[in-house]
C-alpha atoms as a PDB file:
ATOM      1  CA  MET A   1      15.817   5.245 -18.751  1.00  0.00           C
ATOM      2  CA  TYR A   2      13.984   2.860 -16.413  1.00  0.00           C
ATOM      3  CA  LYS A   3      14.659   5.092 -13.416  1.00  0.00           C
ATOM      4  CA  GLN A   4      11.813   7.336 -14.606  1.00  0.00           C
ATOM      5  CA  PHE A   5       9.378   4.396 -14.659  1.00  0.00           C
ATOM      6  CA  PRO A   6       6.724   5.172 -12.021  1.00  0.00           C
ATOM      7  CA  LEU A   7       6.494   1.566 -10.762  1.00  0.00           C
ATOM      8  CA  SER A   8      10.217   1.100 -10.198  1.00  0.00           C
ATOM      9  CA  MET A   9      11.624   0.088  -6.839  1.00  0.00           C
ATOM     10  CA  GLU A  10      12.955   3.585  -6.281  1.00  0.00           C
ATOM     11  CA  ASN A  11       9.428   4.697  -5.401  1.00  0.00           C
ATOM     12  CA  ILE A  12       9.229   2.354  -2.390  1.00  0.00           C
ATOM     13  CA  PRO A  13       9.935   4.260   0.846  1.00  0.00           C
ATOM     14  CA  ARG A  14      13.234   3.477   2.582  1.00  0.00           C
ATOM     15  CA  HIS A  15      13.909   2.562   6.188  1.00  0.00           C
ATOM     16  CA  SER A  16      17.256   2.539   7.945  1.00  0.00           C
ATOM     17  CA  GLY A  17      16.388  -0.175  10.431  1.00  0.00           C
ATOM     18  CA  PHE A  18      13.832  -2.452  12.042  1.00  0.00           C
ATOM     19  CA  GLY A  19      13.141  -0.502  15.188  1.00  0.00           C
ATOM     20  CA  CYS A  20      16.517  -0.430  16.926  1.00  0.00           C
ATOM     21  CA  LEU A  21      17.695  -3.506  14.981  1.00  0.00           C
ATOM     22  CA  SER A  22      19.247  -3.859  11.543  1.00  0.00           C
ATOM     23  CA  LEU A  23      17.444  -4.202   8.237  1.00  0.00           C
ATOM     24  CA  LYS A  24      18.959  -7.667   7.867  1.00  0.00           C
ATOM     25  CA  PHE A  25      17.326  -8.815  11.104  1.00  0.00           C
ATOM     26  CA  GLY A  26      14.015  -7.262  10.021  1.00  0.00           C
ATOM     27  CA  SER A  27      14.216  -9.059   6.690  1.00  0.00           C
ATOM     28  CA  ILE A  28      14.949 -12.398   8.380  1.00  0.00           C
ATOM     29  CA  PHE A  29      12.082 -11.824  10.819  1.00  0.00           C
ATOM     30  CA  SER A  30       9.748 -10.934   7.925  1.00  0.00           C
ATOM     31  CA  ALA A  31      10.758 -14.067   6.033  1.00  0.00           C
ATOM     32  CA  LEU A  32      10.115 -16.303   9.020  1.00  0.00           C
ATOM     33  CA  ILE A  33       6.694 -14.738   9.652  1.00  0.00           C
ATOM     34  CA  VAL A  34       5.674 -15.100   5.978  1.00  0.00           C
ATOM     35  CA  ILE A  35       6.918 -18.712   5.857  1.00  0.00           C
ATOM     36  CA  LEU A  36       4.902 -19.546   8.977  1.00  0.00           C
ATOM     37  CA  TYR A  37       1.816 -17.843   7.552  1.00  0.00           C
ATOM     38  CA  SER A  38       2.206 -19.650   4.215  1.00  0.00           C
ATOM     39  CA  VAL A  39       2.537 -23.052   5.881  1.00  0.00           C
ATOM     40  CA  LEU A  40      -0.579 -22.422   7.973  1.00  0.00           C
ATOM     41  CA  ALA A  41      -2.503 -21.157   4.931  1.00  0.00           C
ATOM     42  CA  LEU A  42      -1.451 -24.201   2.878  1.00  0.00           C
ATOM     43  CA  ALA A  43      -2.609 -26.494   5.695  1.00  0.00           C
ATOM     44  CA  GLN A  44      -5.951 -24.676   5.765  1.00  0.00           C
ATOM     45  CA  CYS A  45      -6.296 -24.996   1.983  1.00  0.00           C
ATOM     46  CA  LEU A  46      -5.556 -28.730   2.089  1.00  0.00           C
ATOM     47  CA  ALA A  47      -8.082 -29.175   4.899  1.00  0.00           C
ATOM     48  CA  THR A  48     -10.670 -27.302   2.842  1.00  0.00           C
ATOM     49  CA  ILE A  49      -9.979 -29.417  -0.239  1.00  0.00           C
ATOM     50  CA  SER A  50     -10.361 -32.602   1.799  1.00  0.00           C
ATOM     51  CA  VAL A  51     -13.884 -31.673   2.966  1.00  0.00           C
ATOM     52  CA  LEU A  52     -15.174 -30.615  -0.453  1.00  0.00           C
ATOM     53  CA  PRO A  53     -17.465 -33.182  -2.078  1.00  0.00           C
ATOM     54  CA  THR A  54     -15.803 -35.449  -4.628  1.00  0.00           C
ATOM     55  CA  LYS A  55     -18.822 -35.932  -6.887  1.00  0.00           C
ATOM     56  CA  THR A  56     -20.593 -32.980  -8.390  1.00  0.00           C
ATOM     57  CA  THR A  57     -22.596 -32.049 -11.449  1.00  0.00           C
ATOM     58  CA  PRO A  58     -21.436 -29.660 -14.171  1.00  0.00           C
ATOM     59  CA  ASP A  59     -24.256 -27.270 -13.192  1.00  0.00           C
ATOM     60  CA  ASP A  60     -22.935 -26.794  -9.639  1.00  0.00           C
ATOM     61  CA  TYR A  61     -21.306 -23.394 -10.117  1.00  0.00           C
ATOM     62  CA  ALA A  62     -20.866 -22.732  -6.406  1.00  0.00           C
ATOM     63  CA  PHE A  63     -18.733 -25.865  -6.056  1.00  0.00           C
ATOM     64  CA  MET A  64     -16.639 -25.003  -9.100  1.00  0.00           C
ATOM     65  CA  LEU A  65     -16.116 -21.453  -7.849  1.00  0.00           C
ATOM     66  CA  THR A  66     -15.156 -22.670  -4.369  1.00  0.00           C
ATOM     67  CA  TYR A  67     -12.814 -25.319  -5.725  1.00  0.00           C
ATOM     68  CA  GLY A  68     -11.196 -22.858  -8.152  1.00  0.00           C
ATOM     69  CA  LEU A  69     -10.738 -20.292  -5.384  1.00  0.00           C
ATOM     70  CA  VAL A  70      -9.129 -22.835  -3.046  1.00  0.00           C
ATOM     71  CA  VAL A  71      -6.782 -24.066  -5.788  1.00  0.00           C
ATOM     72  CA  THR A  72      -5.823 -20.466  -6.670  1.00  0.00           C
ATOM     73  CA  VAL A  73      -5.135 -19.593  -3.021  1.00  0.00           C
ATOM     74  CA  THR A  74      -3.054 -22.783  -2.689  1.00  0.00           C
ATOM     75  CA  ILE A  75      -0.964 -21.852  -5.727  1.00  0.00           C
ATOM     76  CA  VAL A  76      -0.456 -18.288  -4.488  1.00  0.00           C
ATOM     77  CA  HIS A  77       0.678 -19.451  -1.056  1.00  0.00           C
ATOM     78  CA  SER A  78       2.958 -22.088  -2.594  1.00  0.00           C
ATOM     79  CA  VAL A  79       4.651 -19.457  -4.744  1.00  0.00           C
ATOM     80  CA  THR A  80       4.886 -17.136  -1.737  1.00  0.00           C
ATOM     81  CA  PHE A  81       6.460 -19.898   0.355  1.00  0.00           C
ATOM     82  CA  PHE A  82       8.986 -20.725  -2.382  1.00  0.00           C
ATOM     83  CA  LEU A  83       9.966 -17.099  -3.055  1.00  0.00           C
ATOM     84  CA  THR A  84      10.208 -16.358   0.672  1.00  0.00           C
ATOM     85  CA  ALA A  85      12.574 -19.293   1.150  1.00  0.00           C
ATOM     86  CA  ILE A  86      14.727 -17.945  -1.702  1.00  0.00           C
ATOM     87  CA  MET A  87      14.556 -14.464  -0.178  1.00  0.00           C
ATOM     88  CA  LEU A  88      15.681 -15.828   3.194  1.00  0.00           C
ATOM     89  CA  VAL A  89      18.714 -17.430   1.553  1.00  0.00           C
ATOM     90  CA  GLY A  90      19.428 -14.154  -0.245  1.00  0.00           C
ATOM     91  CA  VAL A  91      19.249 -12.180   3.000  1.00  0.00           C
ATOM     92  CA  LEU A  92      21.487 -14.603   4.877  1.00  0.00           C
ATOM     93  CA  ARG A  93      24.071 -14.693   2.078  1.00  0.00           C
ATOM     94  CA  GLU A  94      23.630 -10.994   1.228  1.00  0.00           C
ATOM     95  CA  ARG A  95      22.731 -11.658  -2.407  1.00  0.00           C
ATOM     96  CA  PRO A  96      20.336  -8.988  -3.692  1.00  0.00           C
ATOM     97  CA  ARG A  97      19.412 -10.897  -6.842  1.00  0.00           C
ATOM     98  CA  LEU A  98      17.766 -13.558  -4.674  1.00  0.00           C
ATOM     99  CA  ILE A  99      15.723 -10.931  -2.819  1.00  0.00           C
ATOM    100  CA  ARG A 100      14.323  -9.098  -5.861  1.00  0.00           C
ATOM    101  CA  PRO A 101      11.720 -11.745  -6.933  1.00  0.00           C
ATOM    102  CA  TRP A 102      10.186 -11.674  -3.456  1.00  0.00           C
ATOM    103  CA  VAL A 103       9.978  -7.875  -3.499  1.00  0.00           C
ATOM    104  CA  ILE A 104       8.214  -7.907  -6.884  1.00  0.00           C
ATOM    105  CA  TRP A 105       5.830 -10.722  -5.883  1.00  0.00           C
ATOM    106  CA  THR A 106       4.965  -9.109  -2.564  1.00  0.00           C
ATOM    107  CA  SER A 107       4.439  -5.729  -4.251  1.00  0.00           C
ATOM    108  CA  LEU A 108       1.861  -7.370  -6.493  1.00  0.00           C
ATOM    109  CA  GLN A 109       0.243  -9.092  -3.518  1.00  0.00           C
ATOM    110  CA  VAL A 110       0.032  -5.912  -1.447  1.00  0.00           C
ATOM    111  CA  THR A 111      -1.418  -4.001  -4.400  1.00  0.00           C
ATOM    112  CA  ALA A 112      -4.048  -6.702  -4.975  1.00  0.00           C
ATOM    113  CA  TYR A 113      -4.766  -6.837  -1.247  1.00  0.00           C
ATOM    114  CA  ILE A 114      -5.352  -3.071  -1.122  1.00  0.00           C
ATOM    115  CA  LEU A 115      -7.696  -3.220  -4.121  1.00  0.00           C
ATOM    116  CA  LEU A 116      -9.647  -6.158  -2.667  1.00  0.00           C
ATOM    117  CA  PHE A 117      -9.894  -4.456   0.719  1.00  0.00           C
ATOM    118  CA  ILE A 118     -11.285  -1.295  -0.853  1.00  0.00           C
ATOM    119  CA  PHE A 119     -13.641  -3.257  -3.118  1.00  0.00           C
ATOM    120  CA  PHE A 120     -15.143  -5.435  -0.386  1.00  0.00           C
ATOM    121  CA  THR A 121     -15.390  -2.567   2.074  1.00  0.00           C
ATOM    122  CA  THR A 122     -17.238  -0.485  -0.528  1.00  0.00           C
ATOM    123  CA  ILE A 123     -19.556  -3.356  -1.440  1.00  0.00           C
ATOM    124  CA  ASN A 124     -20.380  -3.946   2.230  1.00  0.00           C
ATOM    125  CA  MET A 125     -21.122  -0.255   2.754  1.00  0.00           C
ATOM    126  CA  ILE A 126     -23.347  -0.046  -0.328  1.00  0.00           C
ATOM    127  CA  ASN A 127     -25.327  -3.194   0.501  1.00  0.00           C
ATOM    128  CA  ASN A 128     -25.390  -2.508   4.249  1.00  0.00           C
ATOM    129  CA  PHE A 129     -24.209  -5.984   5.166  1.00  0.00           C
ATOM    130  CA  ALA A 130     -24.119  -6.170   8.934  1.00  0.00           C
ATOM    131  CA  ASP A 131     -22.348  -9.520   9.174  1.00  0.00           C
ATOM    132  CA  ASN A 132     -18.872  -7.936   9.143  1.00  0.00           C
ATOM    133  CA  SER A 133     -18.147  -5.996  12.249  1.00  0.00           C
ATOM    134  CA  LEU A 134     -15.556  -3.334  12.921  1.00  0.00           C
ATOM    135  CA  PRO A 135     -12.978  -5.685  14.544  1.00  0.00           C
ATOM    136  CA  ILE A 136     -12.785  -7.763  11.352  1.00  0.00           C
ATOM    137  CA  TYR A 137     -12.035  -4.661   9.269  1.00  0.00           C
ATOM    138  CA  PHE A 138      -9.515  -3.575  11.864  1.00  0.00           C
ATOM    139  CA  ILE A 139      -7.705  -6.941  11.767  1.00  0.00           C
ATOM    140  CA  GLU A 140      -7.709  -6.953   7.960  1.00  0.00           C
ATOM    141  CA  PHE A 141      -6.311  -3.425   7.875  1.00  0.00           C
ATOM    142  CA  LEU A 142      -3.587  -4.300  10.408  1.00  0.00           C
ATOM    143  CA  SER A 143      -2.561  -7.336   8.370  1.00  0.00           C
ATOM    144  CA  LEU A 144      -2.399  -5.131   5.286  1.00  0.00           C
ATOM    145  CA  LEU A 145      -0.182  -2.654   7.119  1.00  0.00           C
ATOM    146  CA  LEU A 146       2.043  -5.470   8.383  1.00  0.00           C
ATOM    147  CA  ARG A 147       2.556  -6.854   4.869  1.00  0.00           C
ATOM    148  CA  ALA A 148       3.307  -3.379   3.536  1.00  0.00           C
ATOM    149  CA  TYR A 149       5.830  -2.781   6.343  1.00  0.00           C
ATOM    150  CA  MET A 150       7.520  -6.119   5.616  1.00  0.00           C
ATOM    151  CA  LEU A 151       7.742  -5.123   1.967  1.00  0.00           C
ATOM    152  CA  VAL A 152       9.329  -1.780   2.840  1.00  0.00           C
ATOM    153  CA  LEU A 153      11.844  -3.445   5.180  1.00  0.00           C
ATOM    154  CA  VAL A 154      12.979  -6.038   2.674  1.00  0.00           C
ATOM    155  CA  ALA A 155      13.024  -3.539  -0.207  1.00  0.00           C
ATOM    156  CA  SER A 156      15.153  -1.180   1.912  1.00  0.00           C
ATOM    157  CA  TYR A 157      17.590  -3.994   2.681  1.00  0.00           C
ATOM    158  CA  TYR A 158      17.659  -4.910  -1.018  1.00  0.00           C
ATOM    159  CA  LYS A 159      18.495  -1.317  -1.978  1.00  0.00           C
ATOM    160  CA  GLN A 160      21.160  -1.175   0.744  1.00  0.00           C
ATOM    161  CA  LEU A 161      22.816  -4.317  -0.645  1.00  0.00           C
ATOM    162  CA  GLU A 162      22.642  -2.934  -4.179  1.00  0.00           C
ATOM    163  CA  GLU A 163      24.272   0.342  -3.103  1.00  0.00           C
ATOM    164  CA  GLU A 164      27.015  -1.499  -1.194  1.00  0.00           C
ATOM    165  CA  ARG A 165      27.697  -3.637  -4.271  1.00  0.00           C
ATOM    166  CA  ASP A 166      27.911  -0.549  -6.459  1.00  0.00           C
ATOM    167  CA  GLU A 167      30.320   1.100  -4.021  1.00  0.00           C
ATOM    168  CA  ARG A 168      32.538  -2.013  -3.984  1.00  0.00           C
ATOM    169  CA  LEU A 169      32.615  -2.058  -7.783  1.00  0.00           C
ATOM    170  CA  LYS A 170      33.470   1.641  -7.914  1.00  0.00           C
ATOM    171  CA  SER A 171      36.276   1.184  -5.408  1.00  0.00           C
ATOM    172  CA  LEU A 172      37.721  -1.666  -7.469  1.00  0.00           C
ATOM    173  CA  ILE A 173      37.947   0.551 -10.522  1.00  0.00           C
ATOM    174  CA  SER A 174      39.883   3.577  -9.371  1.00  0.00           C
ATOM    175  CA  LYS A 175      41.178   6.195 -11.791  1.00  0.00           C
ATOM    176  CA  ASP A 176      44.824   5.265 -11.257  1.00  0.00           C
ATOM    177  CA  ILE A 177      44.331   1.606 -12.089  1.00  0.00           C
ATOM    178  CA  TRP A 178      42.047   2.414 -15.023  1.00  0.00           C
ATOM    179  CA  TYR A 179      44.575   4.712 -16.728  1.00  0.00           C
ATOM    180  CA  GLU A 180      47.545   2.401 -16.077  1.00  0.00           C
ATOM    181  CA  THR A 181      45.907  -0.637 -17.624  1.00  0.00           C
ATOM    182  CA  ALA A 182      44.374   1.132 -20.595  1.00  0.00           C
END
Protein backbone atom coordinates (compact mmCIF):
# COMPACT_ATOMS: atom_id res chain seq x y z
CA MET A 1 0.00 0.00 0.00
CA TYR A 2 2.71 2.52 0.89
CA LYS A 3 4.46 2.00 -2.44
CA GLN A 4 1.82 4.25 -4.03
CA PHE A 5 2.57 7.06 -1.56
CA PRO A 6 3.95 9.95 -3.64
CA LEU A 7 6.61 10.93 -1.07
CA SER A 8 8.10 7.46 -0.70
CA MET A 9 11.77 6.77 -1.29
CA GLU A 10 10.97 5.03 -4.56
CA ASN A 11 10.49 8.44 -6.16
CA ILE A 12 14.11 9.47 -5.52
CA PRO A 13 16.22 9.01 -8.68
CA ARG A 14 18.78 6.19 -8.60
CA HIS A 15 22.46 6.25 -9.44
CA SER A 16 24.71 3.27 -10.04
CA GLY A 17 27.90 4.92 -8.87
CA PHE A 18 29.78 8.02 -7.77
CA GLY A 19 31.49 8.90 -11.01
CA CYS A 20 33.68 5.87 -11.68
CA LEU A 21 33.62 4.88 -7.99
CA SER A 22 31.12 2.87 -5.97
CA LEU A 23 28.02 4.15 -4.23
CA LYS A 24 29.57 3.14 -0.91
CA PHE A 25 32.55 5.43 -1.51
CA GLY A 26 30.21 8.25 -2.57
CA SER A 27 28.17 7.79 0.58
CA ILE A 28 31.28 7.86 2.78
CA PHE A 29 32.54 10.95 0.95
CA SER A 30 29.13 12.63 1.38
CA ALA A 31 29.10 11.82 5.09
CA LEU A 32 32.56 13.27 5.63
CA ILE A 33 31.69 16.47 3.74
CA VAL A 34 28.44 16.93 5.72
CA ILE A 35 30.22 16.25 9.04
CA LEU A 36 32.87 18.84 8.19
CA TYR A 37 30.22 21.36 7.17
CA SER A 38 28.21 20.72 10.35
CA VAL A 39 31.25 21.18 12.58
CA LEU A 40 32.13 24.46 10.86
CA ALA A 41 28.51 25.66 11.05
CA LEU A 42 28.31 24.77 14.76
CA ALA A 43 31.54 26.70 15.39
CA GLN A 44 30.08 29.69 13.55
CA CYS A 45 26.86 29.47 15.59
CA LEU A 46 28.78 29.34 18.87
CA ALA A 47 30.89 32.32 17.79
CA THR A 48 27.72 34.23 16.95
CA ILE A 49 26.13 33.38 20.30
CA SER A 50 29.25 34.57 22.13
CA VAL A 51 29.10 38.05 20.55
CA LEU A 52 25.38 38.60 21.14
CA PRO A 53 24.63 40.97 24.03
CA THR A 54 23.78 39.28 27.32
CA LYS A 55 21.40 41.94 28.62
CA THR A 56 18.40 42.98 26.62
CA THR A 57 14.90 44.30 27.11
CA PRO A 58 11.71 42.38 26.35
CA ASP A 59 10.89 44.92 23.61
CA ASP A 60 14.05 44.12 21.61
CA TYR A 61 12.45 41.94 18.93
CA ALA A 62 15.48 42.00 16.64
CA PHE A 63 17.63 40.46 19.37
CA MET A 64 15.05 37.80 20.16
CA LEU A 65 14.66 36.95 16.48
CA THR A 66 18.43 36.75 15.98
CA TYR A 67 18.93 34.65 19.09
CA GLY A 68 16.06 32.31 18.16
CA LEU A 69 17.42 31.92 14.63
CA VAL A 70 20.93 31.11 15.87
CA VAL A 71 19.59 28.57 18.38
CA THR A 72 17.42 26.94 15.68
CA VAL A 73 20.34 26.72 13.24
CA THR A 74 22.50 25.23 16.02
CA ILE A 75 19.89 22.57 16.75
CA VAL A 76 19.48 21.73 13.06
CA HIS A 77 23.22 21.34 12.55
CA SER A 78 23.55 19.28 15.73
CA VAL A 79 20.86 16.88 14.52
CA THR A 80 22.48 16.78 11.08
CA PHE A 81 25.87 16.00 12.63
CA PHE A 82 24.40 13.22 14.80
CA LEU A 83 22.40 11.61 11.98
CA THR A 84 25.35 11.85 9.59
CA ALA A 85 27.58 10.07 12.10
CA ILE A 86 24.96 7.31 12.38
CA MET A 87 24.69 7.19 8.59
CA LEU A 88 28.47 6.84 8.28
CA VAL A 89 28.40 3.86 10.64
CA GLY A 90 25.52 2.38 8.64
CA VAL A 91 27.42 2.77 5.37
CA LEU A 92 30.61 1.26 6.76
CA ARG A 93 28.77 -1.70 8.31
CA GLU A 94 26.28 -1.97 5.42
CA ARG A 95 23.23 -1.57 7.65
CA PRO A 96 20.41 0.16 5.76
CA ARG A 97 18.33 0.85 8.86
CA LEU A 98 21.06 3.20 10.09
CA ILE A 99 21.06 5.09 6.78
CA ARG A 100 17.30 5.69 6.51
CA PRO A 101 17.00 8.46 9.18
CA TRP A 102 19.67 10.50 7.40
CA VAL A 103 17.89 10.12 4.06
CA ILE A 104 14.59 11.31 5.57
CA TRP A 105 16.21 14.22 7.43
CA THR A 106 18.19 15.35 4.40
CA SER A 107 15.10 15.08 2.18
CA LEU A 108 13.34 17.49 4.52
CA GLN A 109 16.35 19.80 4.55
CA VAL A 110 16.68 19.85 0.76
CA THR A 111 12.96 20.51 0.37
CA ALA A 112 13.11 23.39 2.86
CA TYR A 113 16.25 24.71 1.19
CA ILE A 114 14.55 24.72 -2.22
CA LEU A 115 11.52 26.56 -0.83
CA LEU A 116 13.68 29.14 0.96
CA PHE A 117 15.81 29.66 -2.14
CA ILE A 118 12.74 30.28 -4.27
CA PHE A 119 11.15 32.52 -1.63
CA PHE A 120 14.18 34.75 -1.08
CA THR A 121 14.98 34.95 -4.77
CA THR A 122 11.39 36.02 -5.50
CA ILE A 123 11.40 38.57 -2.68
CA ASN A 124 14.67 40.05 -3.93
CA MET A 125 13.32 40.30 -7.48
CA ILE A 126 10.08 41.94 -6.35
CA ASN A 127 11.79 44.49 -4.09
CA ASN A 128 14.72 45.04 -6.45
CA PHE A 129 17.33 44.56 -3.75
CA ALA A 130 20.70 45.10 -5.34
CA ASP A 131 22.79 43.93 -2.40
CA ASN A 132 22.79 40.29 -3.57
CA SER A 133 24.77 39.78 -6.69
CA LEU A 134 24.71 36.96 -9.19
CA PRO A 135 27.72 35.06 -7.72
CA ILE A 136 25.92 34.68 -4.38
CA TYR A 137 22.88 33.14 -6.10
CA PHE A 138 25.18 30.93 -8.12
CA ILE A 139 26.99 29.66 -5.00
CA GLU A 140 23.68 29.06 -3.20
CA PHE A 141 22.33 27.15 -6.18
CA LEU A 142 25.50 25.03 -6.44
CA SER A 143 25.30 24.16 -2.74
CA LEU A 144 21.67 23.18 -3.23
CA LEU A 145 22.62 20.93 -6.14
CA LEU A 146 25.45 19.39 -4.11
CA ARG A 147 23.13 18.54 -1.22
CA ALA A 148 20.57 17.07 -3.61
CA TYR A 149 23.28 14.96 -5.30
CA MET A 150 24.50 13.71 -1.91
CA LEU A 151 20.93 12.76 -1.07
CA VAL A 152 20.53 10.84 -4.32
CA LEU A 153 23.84 9.01 -3.80
CA VAL A 154 23.06 7.90 -0.27
CA ALA A 155 19.45 7.02 -1.12
CA SER A 156 20.69 4.92 -4.06
CA TYR A 157 23.13 3.09 -1.80
CA TYR A 158 20.34 2.58 0.75
CA LYS A 159 18.08 1.06 -1.92
CA GLN A 160 20.94 -1.13 -3.16
CA LEU A 161 21.49 -2.49 0.36
CA GLU A 162 17.77 -3.09 0.79
CA GLU A 163 17.58 -5.01 -2.50
CA GLU A 164 20.64 -7.10 -1.61
CA ARG A 165 19.07 -7.93 1.76
CA ASP A 166 15.83 -8.96 0.08
CA GLU A 167 17.72 -11.17 -2.37
CA ARG A 168 19.62 -12.85 0.49
CA LEU A 169 16.36 -13.53 2.32
CA LYS A 170 14.77 -14.94 -0.83
CA SER A 171 17.74 -17.21 -1.43
CA LEU A 172 17.53 -18.52 2.13
CA ILE A 173 13.94 -19.56 1.62
CA SER A 174 13.99 -21.73 -1.46
CA LYS A 175 10.99 -23.77 -2.56
CA ASP A 176 12.65 -27.10 -1.77
CA ILE A 177 13.46 -26.20 1.82
CA TRP A 178 10.06 -24.56 2.34
CA TYR A 179 8.09 -27.65 1.27
CA GLU A 180 10.32 -30.09 3.18
CA THR A 181 9.98 -28.28 6.48
CA ALA A 182 6.29 -27.52 6.22
